[in-house]
């Protein structure tokens, strides 16, 4: 049986809320509470997100979309469980 990656945990959330701790481009850690698959706030235009390297997550505290680098995710909290590297 294959071990779930942290990205797999996020993808399995299927639009439910989760928290993700990751390292931003400037080296700071960030805790984001959000959801994937939110389309109600889209305003049209083209996304410049590289989906091979980044996840597009709707940040519920800020009310906007954020890109999370898949390679810098340190921890995911989902479904009452904490998943770490």
Protein backbone atom coordinates (compact mmCIF):
# COMPACT_ATOMS: atom_id res chain seq x y z
CA UNK A 1 0.00 0.00 0.00
CA UNK A 2 1.33 3.40 -1.06
CA UNK A 3 1.82 6.09 1.59
CA UNK A 4 -0.27 9.21 1.01
CA UNK A 5 1.66 12.36 0.21
CA UNK A 6 0.59 15.66 1.74
CA UNK A 7 -0.68 16.77 -1.67
CA UNK A 8 -2.79 13.58 -1.84
CA UNK A 9 -4.31 14.48 1.55
CA UNK A 10 -5.27 17.94 0.28
CA UNK A 11 -6.71 16.53 -2.95
CA UNK A 12 -8.76 14.01 -0.96
CA UNK A 13 -10.44 16.88 0.93
CA UNK A 14 -12.79 17.34 -2.07
CA UNK A 15 -13.74 20.92 -1.18
CA UNK A 16 -13.86 20.49 2.59
CA UNK A 17 -11.86 22.77 4.87
CA UNK A 18 -8.24 21.98 5.71
CA UNK A 19 -5.15 23.78 7.04
CA UNK A 20 -1.79 23.67 5.36
CA UNK A 21 1.59 24.80 6.70
CA UNK A 22 4.07 25.62 3.95
CA UNK A 23 7.11 27.77 3.21
CA UNK A 24 6.50 30.88 1.13
CA UNK A 25 8.78 32.05 -1.67
CA UNK A 26 10.49 34.51 0.71
CA UNK A 27 11.32 31.69 3.17
CA UNK A 28 8.62 32.48 5.75
CA UNK A 29 6.29 29.74 6.99
CA UNK A 30 2.58 30.34 6.46
CA UNK A 31 -0.48 28.59 7.85
CA UNK A 32 -3.40 28.78 5.44
CA UNK A 33 -6.96 27.69 6.23
CA UNK A 34 -8.76 26.99 3.02
CA UNK A 35 -10.46 24.83 0.46
CA UNK A 36 -9.73 23.61 -3.03
CA UNK A 37 -12.24 23.64 -5.84
CA UNK A 38 -13.87 26.98 -4.95
CA UNK A 39 -15.14 28.59 -8.16
CA UNK A 40 -17.73 31.05 -6.83
CA UNK A 41 -15.15 33.83 -6.39
CA UNK A 42 -13.52 33.56 -9.83
CA UNK A 43 -13.58 36.74 -11.88
CA UNK A 44 -12.57 35.43 -15.27
CA UNK A 45 -9.26 35.80 -17.00
CA UNK A 46 -6.49 33.30 -17.19
CA UNK A 47 -4.67 31.69 -14.31
CA UNK A 48 -0.89 31.85 -14.40
CA UNK A 49 -0.52 29.06 -11.83
CA UNK A 50 1.77 26.19 -12.82
CA UNK A 51 -0.39 23.29 -11.59
CA UNK A 52 2.51 20.84 -11.78
CA UNK A 53 4.32 22.76 -9.02
CA UNK A 54 1.54 24.69 -7.24
CA UNK A 55 -1.93 24.13 -5.78
CA UNK A 56 -4.54 26.86 -6.07
CA UNK A 57 -6.21 27.14 -2.64
CA UNK A 58 -9.01 29.50 -1.61
CA UNK A 59 -7.91 31.20 1.64
CA UNK A 60 -11.08 31.63 3.71
CA UNK A 61 -9.52 34.15 6.10
CA UNK A 62 -8.34 36.52 3.37
CA UNK A 63 -11.13 35.76 0.92
CA UNK A 64 -8.88 35.12 -2.06
CA UNK A 65 -6.91 32.51 -3.89
CA UNK A 66 -3.33 31.62 -2.96
CA UNK A 67 -0.76 29.42 -4.66
CA UNK A 68 0.85 26.79 -2.45
CA UNK A 69 4.12 25.26 -3.62
CA UNK A 70 3.65 21.49 -3.42
CA UNK A 71 7.34 20.99 -2.64
CA UNK A 72 7.34 23.19 0.48
CA UNK A 73 4.28 21.76 2.28
CA UNK A 74 5.27 20.72 5.81
CA UNK A 75 1.94 19.81 7.43
CA UNK A 76 -1.73 19.33 6.58
CA UNK A 77 -4.63 19.17 9.05
CA UNK A 78 -7.77 17.57 7.66
CA UNK A 79 -10.57 15.45 9.06
CA UNK A 80 -9.35 15.74 12.64
CA UNK A 81 -5.92 14.35 11.75
CA UNK A 82 -2.51 15.97 11.37
CA UNK A 83 -0.30 14.78 8.51
CA UNK A 84 3.41 15.67 8.52
CA UNK A 85 6.37 14.88 6.34
